Amino acid sequence: MGEFEKLILKILQGLADKNIDFDDLKKVLLRLGFEERIKGSHHIYTKEDVEEIINIQPSNEGKAKPYQVKQVRELILKYQLFENNEDE
């Protein structure tokens, strides 16, 4: 199991939302095919066929904010993004 798969599983389990690095969350979104636009400290992610827009900002410690990790998890599950990405 690669680093990406381990990180996805960590996000999907929902047991460590406070301990996900902001940069790691960005990497996950990009690897899942989201496009990134940066405006100040806001990193905005969009993807074709995904209605929602993800807007994340780092916390002061360089971690992703727990509620934003939850939003990403909900999108991965709703659109089955990880299953669709396993072949890549």
PDB file of N, CA and C in Angstrom:
ATOM      1  N   MET A   1       0.864  -1.180   0.000  1.00  0.00           N
ATOM      2  CA  MET A   1       0.000   0.000   0.000  1.00  0.00           C
ATOM      3  C   MET A   1       0.899   1.228   0.000  1.00  0.00           C
ATOM      4  N   GLY A   2       0.647   2.106  -0.960  1.00  0.00           N
ATOM      5  CA  GLY A   2       1.463   3.306  -1.095  1.00  0.00           C
ATOM      6  C   GLY A   2       1.063   4.406  -0.123  1.00  0.00           C
ATOM      7  N   GLU A   3       1.855   5.464  -0.155  1.00  0.00           N
ATOM      8  CA  GLU A   3       1.625   6.605   0.746  1.00  0.00           C
ATOM      9  C   GLU A   3       0.264   7.249   0.499  1.00  0.00           C
ATOM     10  N   PHE A   4      -0.111   7.370  -0.775  1.00  0.00           N
ATOM     11  CA  PHE A   4      -1.401   7.980  -1.116  1.00  0.00           C
ATOM     12  C   PHE A   4      -2.551   7.152  -0.554  1.00  0.00           C
ATOM     13  N   GLU A   5      -2.482   5.837  -0.734  1.00  0.00           N
ATOM     14  CA  GLU A   5      -3.542   4.963  -0.238  1.00  0.00           C
ATOM     15  C   GLU A   5      -3.650   5.018   1.276  1.00  0.00           C
ATOM     16  N   LYS A   6      -2.514   5.063   1.960  1.00  0.00           N
ATOM     17  CA  LYS A   6      -2.523   5.170   3.424  1.00  0.00           C
ATOM     18  C   LYS A   6      -3.170   6.473   3.878  1.00  0.00           C
ATOM     19  N   LEU A   7      -2.859   7.555   3.172  1.00  0.00           N
ATOM     20  CA  LEU A   7      -3.431   8.857   3.519  1.00  0.00           C
ATOM     21  C   LEU A   7      -4.937   8.880   3.278  1.00  0.00           C
ATOM     22  N   ILE A   8      -5.379   8.316   2.161  1.00  0.00           N
ATOM     23  CA  ILE A   8      -6.819   8.238   1.873  1.00  0.00           C
ATOM     24  C   ILE A   8      -7.524   7.441   2.967  1.00  0.00           C
ATOM     25  N   LEU A   9      -6.958   6.306   3.344  1.00  0.00           N
ATOM     26  CA  LEU A   9      -7.579   5.490   4.393  1.00  0.00           C
ATOM     27  C   LEU A   9      -7.647   6.240   5.710  1.00  0.00           C
ATOM     28  N   LYS A  10      -6.601   6.991   6.023  1.00  0.00           N
ATOM     29  CA  LYS A  10      -6.585   7.793   7.254  1.00  0.00           C
ATOM     30  C   LYS A  10      -7.718   8.825   7.229  1.00  0.00           C
ATOM     31  N   ILE A  11      -7.922   9.449   6.081  1.00  0.00           N
ATOM     32  CA  ILE A  11      -9.002  10.433   5.936  1.00  0.00           C
ATOM     33  C   ILE A  11     -10.359   9.748   6.024  1.00  0.00           C
ATOM     34  N   LEU A  12     -10.508   8.619   5.335  1.00  0.00           N
ATOM     35  CA  LEU A  12     -11.798   7.933   5.307  1.00  0.00           C
ATOM     36  C   LEU A  12     -12.181   7.344   6.662  1.00  0.00           C
ATOM     37  N   GLN A  13     -11.197   6.938   7.463  1.00  0.00           N
ATOM     38  CA  GLN A  13     -11.504   6.388   8.789  1.00  0.00           C
ATOM     39  C   GLN A  13     -12.049   7.458   9.720  1.00  0.00           C
ATOM     40  N   GLY A  14     -11.630   8.700   9.543  1.00  0.00           N
ATOM     41  CA  GLY A  14     -12.151   9.795  10.338  1.00  0.00           C
ATOM     42  C   GLY A  14     -11.684   9.816  11.781  1.00  0.00           C
ATOM     43  N   LEU A  15     -10.604   9.108  12.074  1.00  0.00           N
ATOM     44  CA  LEU A  15     -10.122   9.043  13.456  1.00  0.00           C
ATOM     45  C   LEU A  15      -9.018  10.050  13.740  1.00  0.00           C
ATOM     46  N   ALA A  16      -8.506  10.702  12.694  1.00  0.00           N
ATOM     47  CA  ALA A  16      -7.361  11.587  12.881  1.00  0.00           C
ATOM     48  C   ALA A  16      -7.530  12.906  12.139  1.00  0.00           C
ATOM     49  N   ASP A  17      -8.744  13.441  12.115  1.00  0.00           N
ATOM     50  CA  ASP A  17      -8.989  14.676  11.362  1.00  0.00           C
ATOM     51  C   ASP A  17      -8.117  15.836  11.834  1.00  0.00           C
ATOM     52  N   LYS A  18      -7.731  15.847  13.096  1.00  0.00           N
ATOM     53  CA  LYS A  18      -6.903  16.925  13.633  1.00  0.00           C
ATOM     54  C   LYS A  18      -5.436  16.773  13.244  1.00  0.00           C
ATOM     55  N   ASN A  19      -5.063  15.595  12.739  1.00  0.00           N
ATOM     56  CA  ASN A  19      -3.655  15.316  12.472  1.00  0.00           C
ATOM     57  C   ASN A  19      -3.331  15.122  11.001  1.00  0.00           C
ATOM     58  N   ILE A  20      -4.127  15.691  10.129  1.00  0.00           N
ATOM     59  CA  ILE A  20      -3.849  15.620   8.693  1.00  0.00           C
ATOM     60  C   ILE A  20      -3.112  16.895   8.294  1.00  0.00           C
ATOM     61  N   ASP A  21      -1.927  16.731   7.720  1.00  0.00           N
ATOM     62  CA  ASP A  21      -1.171  17.901   7.276  1.00  0.00           C
ATOM     63  C   ASP A  21      -1.909  18.595   6.134  1.00  0.00           C
ATOM     64  N   PHE A  22      -1.863  19.916   6.137  1.00  0.00           N
ATOM     65  CA  PHE A  22      -2.519  20.703   5.095  1.00  0.00           C
ATOM     66  C   PHE A  22      -1.971  20.332   3.718  1.00  0.00           C
ATOM     67  N   ASP A  23      -0.649  20.210   3.610  1.00  0.00           N
ATOM     68  CA  ASP A  23      -0.043  19.867   2.325  1.00  0.00           C
ATOM     69  C   ASP A  23      -0.495  18.487   1.853  1.00  0.00           C
ATOM     70  N   ASP A  24      -0.678  17.561   2.784  1.00  0.00           N
ATOM     71  CA  ASP A  24      -1.150  16.228   2.418  1.00  0.00           C
ATOM     72  C   ASP A  24      -2.581  16.279   1.892  1.00  0.00           C
ATOM     73  N   LEU A  25      -3.419  17.091   2.514  1.00  0.00           N
ATOM     74  CA  LEU A  25      -4.802  17.218   2.045  1.00  0.00           C
ATOM     75  C   LEU A  25      -4.839  17.821   0.639  1.00  0.00           C
ATOM     76  N   LYS A  26      -3.966  18.797   0.393  1.00  0.00           N
ATOM     77  CA  LYS A  26      -3.864  19.383  -0.949  1.00  0.00           C
ATOM     78  C   LYS A  26      -3.452  18.322  -1.964  1.00  0.00           C
ATOM     79  N   LYS A  27      -2.460  17.510  -1.604  1.00  0.00           N
ATOM     80  CA  LYS A  27      -1.984  16.458  -2.518  1.00  0.00           C
ATOM     81  C   LYS A  27      -3.101  15.473  -2.854  1.00  0.00           C
ATOM     82  N   VAL A  28      -3.904  15.117  -1.864  1.00  0.00           N
ATOM     83  CA  VAL A  28      -5.015  14.192  -2.086  1.00  0.00           C
ATOM     84  C   VAL A  28      -5.993  14.783  -3.092  1.00  0.00           C
ATOM     85  N   LEU A  29      -6.370  16.032  -2.886  1.00  0.00           N
ATOM     86  CA  LEU A  29      -7.336  16.662  -3.786  1.00  0.00           C
ATOM     87  C   LEU A  29      -6.797  16.746  -5.212  1.00  0.00           C
ATOM     88  N   LEU A  30      -5.528  17.098  -5.345  1.00  0.00           N
ATOM     89  CA  LEU A  30      -4.936  17.181  -6.682  1.00  0.00           C
ATOM     90  C   LEU A  30      -4.853  15.804  -7.330  1.00  0.00           C
ATOM     91  N   ARG A  31      -4.482  14.812  -6.562  1.00  0.00           N
ATOM     92  CA  ARG A  31      -4.366  13.442  -7.088  1.00  0.00           C
ATOM     93  C   ARG A  31      -5.741  12.878  -7.502  1.00  0.00           C
ATOM     94  N   LEU A  32      -6.791  13.354  -6.824  1.00  0.00           N
ATOM     95  CA  LEU A  32      -8.144  12.916  -7.168  1.00  0.00           C
ATOM     96  C   LEU A  32      -8.711  13.673  -8.367  1.00  0.00           C
ATOM     97  N   GLY A  33      -7.905  14.579  -8.941  1.00  0.00           N
ATOM     98  CA  GLY A  33      -8.325  15.254 -10.162  1.00  0.00           C
ATOM     99  C   GLY A  33      -8.930  16.627  -9.983  1.00  0.00           C
ATOM    100  N   PHE A  34      -8.861  17.183  -8.783  1.00  0.00           N
ATOM    101  CA  PHE A  34      -9.388  18.527  -8.562  1.00  0.00           C
ATOM    102  C   PHE A  34      -8.417  19.554  -9.122  1.00  0.00           C
ATOM    103  N   GLU A  35      -8.959  20.673  -9.582  1.00  0.00           N
ATOM    104  CA  GLU A  35      -8.141  21.796 -10.024  1.00  0.00           C
ATOM    105  C   GLU A  35      -8.053  22.792  -8.884  1.00  0.00           C
ATOM    106  N   GLU A  36      -6.860  23.365  -8.696  1.00  0.00           N
ATOM    107  CA  GLU A  36      -6.617  24.274  -7.568  1.00  0.00           C
ATOM    108  C   GLU A  36      -6.513  25.714  -8.068  1.00  0.00           C
ATOM    109  N   ARG A  37      -7.148  26.585  -7.305  1.00  0.00           N
ATOM    110  CA  ARG A  37      -7.020  28.030  -7.513  1.00  0.00           C
ATOM    111  C   ARG A  37      -6.705  28.617  -6.147  1.00  0.00           C
ATOM    112  N   ILE A  38      -5.715  29.492  -6.069  1.00  0.00           N
ATOM    113  CA  ILE A  38      -5.306  30.056  -4.781  1.00  0.00           C
ATOM    114  C   ILE A  38      -5.611  31.544  -4.777  1.00  0.00           C
ATOM    115  N   LYS A  39      -6.290  31.964  -3.704  1.00  0.00           N
ATOM    116  CA  LYS A  39      -6.594  33.377  -3.522  1.00  0.00           C
ATOM    117  C   LYS A  39      -6.256  33.713  -2.073  1.00  0.00           C
ATOM    118  N   GLY A  40      -5.091  34.319  -1.866  1.00  0.00           N
ATOM    119  CA  GLY A  40      -4.624  34.567  -0.503  1.00  0.00           C
ATOM    120  C   GLY A  40      -4.286  33.255   0.163  1.00  0.00           C
ATOM    121  N   SER A  41      -4.855  33.017   1.342  1.00  0.00           N
ATOM    122  CA  SER A  41      -4.603  31.754   2.045  1.00  0.00           C
ATOM    123  C   SER A  41      -5.651  30.697   1.691  1.00  0.00           C
ATOM    124  N   HIS A  42      -6.603  31.061   0.845  1.00  0.00           N
ATOM    125  CA  HIS A  42      -7.665  30.140   0.468  1.00  0.00           C
ATOM    126  C   HIS A  42      -7.253  29.321  -0.753  1.00  0.00           C
ATOM    127  N   HIS A  43      -7.328  28.022  -0.604  1.00  0.00           N
ATOM    128  CA  HIS A  43      -7.064  27.099  -1.698  1.00  0.00           C
ATOM    129  C   HIS A  43      -8.419  26.538  -2.114  1.00  0.00           C
ATOM    130  N   ILE A  44      -8.823  26.837  -3.326  1.00  0.00           N
ATOM    131  CA  ILE A  44     -10.161  26.507  -3.804  1.00  0.00           C
ATOM    132  C   ILE A  44     -10.033  25.398  -4.850  1.00  0.00           C
ATOM    133  N   TYR A  45     -10.805  24.328  -4.643  1.00  0.00           N
ATOM    134  CA  TYR A  45     -10.708  23.151  -5.503  1.00  0.00           C
ATOM    135  C   TYR A  45     -12.049  22.874  -6.178  1.00  0.00           C
ATOM    136  N   THR A  46     -11.975  22.642  -7.467  1.00  0.00           N
ATOM    137  CA  THR A  46     -13.162  22.282  -8.238  1.00  0.00           C
ATOM    138  C   THR A  46     -12.831  21.062  -9.089  1.00  0.00           C
ATOM    139  N   LYS A  47     -13.882  20.336  -9.445  1.00  0.00           N
ATOM    140  CA  LYS A  47     -13.712  19.153 -10.289  1.00  0.00           C
ATOM    141  C   LYS A  47     -14.977  18.991 -11.117  1.00  0.00           C
ATOM    142  N   GLU A  48     -14.781  18.674 -12.378  1.00  0.00           N
ATOM    143  CA  GLU A  48     -15.924  18.419 -13.251  1.00  0.00           C
ATOM    144  C   GLU A  48     -16.716  17.250 -12.682  1.00  0.00           C
ATOM    145  N   ASP A  49     -18.002  17.320 -12.737  1.00  0.00           N
ATOM    146  CA  ASP A  49     -18.920  16.293 -12.221  1.00  0.00           C
ATOM    147  C   ASP A  49     -19.031  16.294 -10.695  1.00  0.00           C
ATOM    148  N   VAL A  50     -18.407  17.251 -10.019  1.00  0.00           N
ATOM    149  CA  VAL A  50     -18.570  17.417  -8.571  1.00  0.00           C
ATOM    150  C   VAL A  50     -19.192  18.789  -8.365  1.00  0.00           C
ATOM    151  N   GLU A  51     -20.405  18.805  -7.812  1.00  0.00           N
ATOM    152  CA  GLU A  51     -21.137  20.071  -7.649  1.00  0.00           C
ATOM    153  C   GLU A  51     -20.468  21.005  -6.649  1.00  0.00           C
ATOM    154  N   GLU A  52     -19.995  20.425  -5.546  1.00  0.00           N
ATOM    155  CA  GLU A  52     -19.456  21.230  -4.456  1.00  0.00           C
ATOM    156  C   GLU A  52     -18.084  21.804  -4.802  1.00  0.00           C
ATOM    157  N   ILE A  53     -17.792  22.945  -4.198  1.00  0.00           N
ATOM    158  CA  ILE A  53     -16.481  23.573  -4.285  1.00  0.00           C
ATOM    159  C   ILE A  53     -15.833  23.418  -2.910  1.00  0.00           C
ATOM    160  N   ILE A  54     -14.588  22.996  -2.898  1.00  0.00           N
ATOM    161  CA  ILE A  54     -13.859  22.834  -1.631  1.00  0.00           C
ATOM    162  C   ILE A  54     -12.964  24.041  -1.427  1.00  0.00           C
ATOM    163  N   ASN A  55     -13.084  24.683  -0.288  1.00  0.00           N
ATOM    164  CA  ASN A  55     -12.290  25.844   0.060  1.00  0.00           C
ATOM    165  C   ASN A  55     -11.576  25.514   1.367  1.00  0.00           C
ATOM    166  N   ILE A  56     -10.243  25.374   1.311  1.00  0.00           N
ATOM    167  CA  ILE A  56      -9.499  25.020   2.526  1.00  0.00           C
ATOM    168  C   ILE A  56      -8.432  26.069   2.817  1.00  0.00           C
ATOM    169  N   GLN A  57      -8.130  26.200   4.083  1.00  0.00           N
ATOM    170  CA  GLN A  57      -7.057  27.081   4.545  1.00  0.00           C
ATOM    171  C   GLN A  57      -6.298  26.337   5.626  1.00  0.00           C
ATOM    172  N   PRO A  58      -4.980  26.556   5.711  1.00  0.00           N
ATOM    173  CA  PRO A  58      -4.221  25.872   6.761  1.00  0.00           C
ATOM    174  C   PRO A  58      -4.490  26.491   8.130  1.00  0.00           C
ATOM    175  N   SER A  59      -4.364  25.658   9.157  1.00  0.00           N
ATOM    176  CA  SER A  59      -4.398  26.197  10.521  1.00  0.00           C
ATOM    177  C   SER A  59      -3.014  26.781  10.810  1.00  0.00           C
ATOM    178  N   ASN A  60      -2.844  27.390  11.964  1.00  0.00           N
ATOM    179  CA  ASN A  60      -1.558  28.000  12.315  1.00  0.00           C
ATOM    180  C   ASN A  60      -0.439  26.983  12.461  1.00  0.00           C
ATOM    181  N   GLU A  61      -0.786  25.719  12.716  1.00  0.00           N
ATOM    182  CA  GLU A  61       0.223  24.678  12.928  1.00  0.00           C
ATOM    183  C   GLU A  61       0.574  23.941  11.640  1.00  0.00           C
ATOM    184  N   GLY A  62       0.030  24.353  10.492  1.00  0.00           N
ATOM    185  CA  GLY A  62       0.309  23.677   9.241  1.00  0.00           C
ATOM    186  C   GLY A  62      -0.556  22.450   9.019  1.00  0.00           C
ATOM    187  N   LYS A  63      -1.544  22.268   9.869  1.00  0.00           N
ATOM    188  CA  LYS A  63      -2.469  21.149   9.738  1.00  0.00           C
ATOM    189  C   LYS A  63      -3.725  21.615   9.014  1.00  0.00           C
ATOM    190  N   ALA A  64      -4.424  20.668   8.425  1.00  0.00           N
ATOM    191  CA  ALA A  64      -5.724  20.971   7.842  1.00  0.00           C
ATOM    192  C   ALA A  64      -6.732  21.109   8.977  1.00  0.00           C
ATOM    193  N   LYS A  65      -7.707  21.940   8.791  1.00  0.00           N
ATOM    194  CA  LYS A  65      -8.744  22.106   9.802  1.00  0.00           C
ATOM    195  C   LYS A  65      -9.646  20.875   9.782  1.00  0.00           C
ATOM    196  N   PRO A  66      -9.980  20.332  10.958  1.00  0.00           N
ATOM    197  CA  PRO A  66     -10.756  19.087  11.018  1.00  0.00           C
ATOM    198  C   PRO A  66     -12.067  19.131  10.221  1.00  0.00           C
ATOM    199  N   TYR A  67     -12.784  20.240  10.257  1.00  0.00           N
ATOM    200  CA  TYR A  67     -14.057  20.283   9.535  1.00  0.00           C
ATOM    201  C   TYR A  67     -13.818  20.232   8.021  1.00  0.00           C
ATOM    202  N   GLN A  68     -12.669  20.724   7.566  1.00  0.00           N
ATOM    203  CA  GLN A  68     -12.363  20.666   6.141  1.00  0.00           C
ATOM    204  C   GLN A  68     -11.979  19.248   5.719  1.00  0.00           C
ATOM    205  N   VAL A  69     -11.285  18.524   6.592  1.00  0.00           N
ATOM    206  CA  VAL A  69     -10.970  17.118   6.327  1.00  0.00           C
ATOM    207  C   VAL A  69     -12.279  16.338   6.211  1.00  0.00           C
ATOM    208  N   LYS A  70     -13.238  16.650   7.083  1.00  0.00           N
ATOM    209  CA  LYS A  70     -14.540  15.983   7.044  1.00  0.00           C
ATOM    210  C   LYS A  70     -15.257  16.278   5.718  1.00  0.00           C
ATOM    211  N   GLN A  71     -15.190  17.517   5.251  1.00  0.00           N
ATOM    212  CA  GLN A  71     -15.817  17.867   3.977  1.00  0.00           C
ATOM    213  C   GLN A  71     -15.206  17.074   2.828  1.00  0.00           C
ATOM    214  N   VAL A  72     -13.883  16.944   2.836  1.00  0.00           N
ATOM    215  CA  VAL A  72     -13.204  16.182   1.792  1.00  0.00           C
ATOM    216  C   VAL A  72     -13.623  14.715   1.873  1.00  0.00           C
ATOM    217  N   ARG A  73     -13.674  14.160   3.087  1.00  0.00           N
ATOM    218  CA  ARG A  73     -14.093  12.766   3.268  1.00  0.00           C
ATOM    219  C   ARG A  73     -15.497  12.550   2.706  1.00  0.00           C
ATOM    220  N   GLU A  74     -16.405  13.463   3.012  1.00  0.00           N
ATOM    221  CA  GLU A  74     -17.778  13.332   2.538  1.00  0.00           C
ATOM    222  C   GLU A  74     -17.860  13.367   1.014  1.00  0.00           C
ATOM    223  N   LEU A  75     -17.026  14.191   0.372  1.00  0.00           N
ATOM    224  CA  LEU A  75     -17.013  14.236  -1.089  1.00  0.00           C
ATOM    225  C   LEU A  75     -16.434  12.953  -1.680  1.00  0.00           C
ATOM    226  N   ILE A  76     -15.365  12.443  -1.070  1.00  0.00           N
ATOM    227  CA  ILE A  76     -14.760  11.201  -1.554  1.00  0.00           C
ATOM    228  C   ILE A  76     -15.793  10.079  -1.505  1.00  0.00           C
ATOM    229  N   LEU A  77     -16.539  10.017  -0.418  1.00  0.00           N
ATOM    230  CA  LEU A  77     -17.545   8.966  -0.274  1.00  0.00           C
ATOM    231  C   LEU A  77     -18.743   9.201  -1.196  1.00  0.00           C
ATOM    232  N   LYS A  78     -19.227  10.431  -1.252  1.00  0.00           N
ATOM    233  CA  LYS A  78     -20.409  10.744  -2.062  1.00  0.00           C
ATOM    234  C   LYS A  78     -20.182  10.438  -3.543  1.00  0.00           C
ATOM    235  N   TYR A  79     -19.020  10.823  -4.049  1.00  0.00           N
ATOM    236  CA  TYR A  79     -18.737  10.661  -5.473  1.00  0.00           C
ATOM    237  C   TYR A  79     -17.857   9.442  -5.762  1.00  0.00           C
ATOM    238  N   GLN A  80     -17.560   8.666  -4.733  1.00  0.00           N
ATOM    239  CA  GLN A  80     -16.724   7.471  -4.854  1.00  0.00           C
ATOM    240  C   GLN A  80     -15.438   7.789  -5.614  1.00  0.00           C
ATOM    241  N   LEU A  81     -14.773   8.851  -5.198  1.00  0.00           N
ATOM    242  CA  LEU A  81     -13.599   9.334  -5.911  1.00  0.00           C
ATOM    243  C   LEU A  81     -12.399   8.408  -5.773  1.00  0.00           C
ATOM    244  N   PHE A  82     -12.254   7.770  -4.638  1.00  0.00           N
ATOM    245  CA  PHE A  82     -11.090   6.893  -4.455  1.00  0.00           C
ATOM    246  C   PHE A  82     -11.220   5.653  -5.321  1.00  0.00           C
ATOM    247  N   GLU A  83     -12.403   5.043  -5.364  1.00  0.00           N
ATOM    248  CA  GLU A  83     -12.608   3.858  -6.188  1.00  0.00           C
ATOM    249  C   GLU A  83     -12.353   4.185  -7.655  1.00  0.00           C
ATOM    250  N   ASN A  84     -12.775   5.367  -8.075  1.00  0.00           N
ATOM    251  CA  ASN A  84     -12.586   5.772  -9.472  1.00  0.00           C
ATOM    252  C   ASN A  84     -11.121   6.034  -9.793  1.00  0.00           C
ATOM    253  N   ASN A  85     -10.298   6.265  -8.775  1.00  0.00           N
ATOM    254  CA  ASN A  85      -8.911   6.640  -8.967  1.00  0.00           C
ATOM    255  C   ASN A  85      -7.960   5.472  -8.804  1.00  0.00           C
ATOM    256  N   GLU A  86      -8.412   4.319  -8.361  1.00  0.00           N
ATOM    257  CA  GLU A  86      -7.518   3.204  -8.065  1.00  0.00           C
ATOM    258  C   GLU A  86      -6.774   2.693  -9.295  1.00  0.00           C
ATOM    259  N   ASP A  87      -7.337   2.827 -10.472  1.00  0.00           N
ATOM    260  CA  ASP A  87      -6.701   2.312 -11.667  1.00  0.00           C
ATOM    261  C   ASP A  87      -5.562   3.195 -12.152  1.00  0.00           C
ATOM    262  N   GLU A  88      -5.489   4.425 -11.664  1.00  0.00           N
ATOM    263  CA  GLU A  88      -4.495   5.380 -12.169  1.00  0.00           C
ATOM    264  C   GLU A  88      -3.134   5.117 -11.585  1.00  0.00           C
TER     265      GLU A  88
END
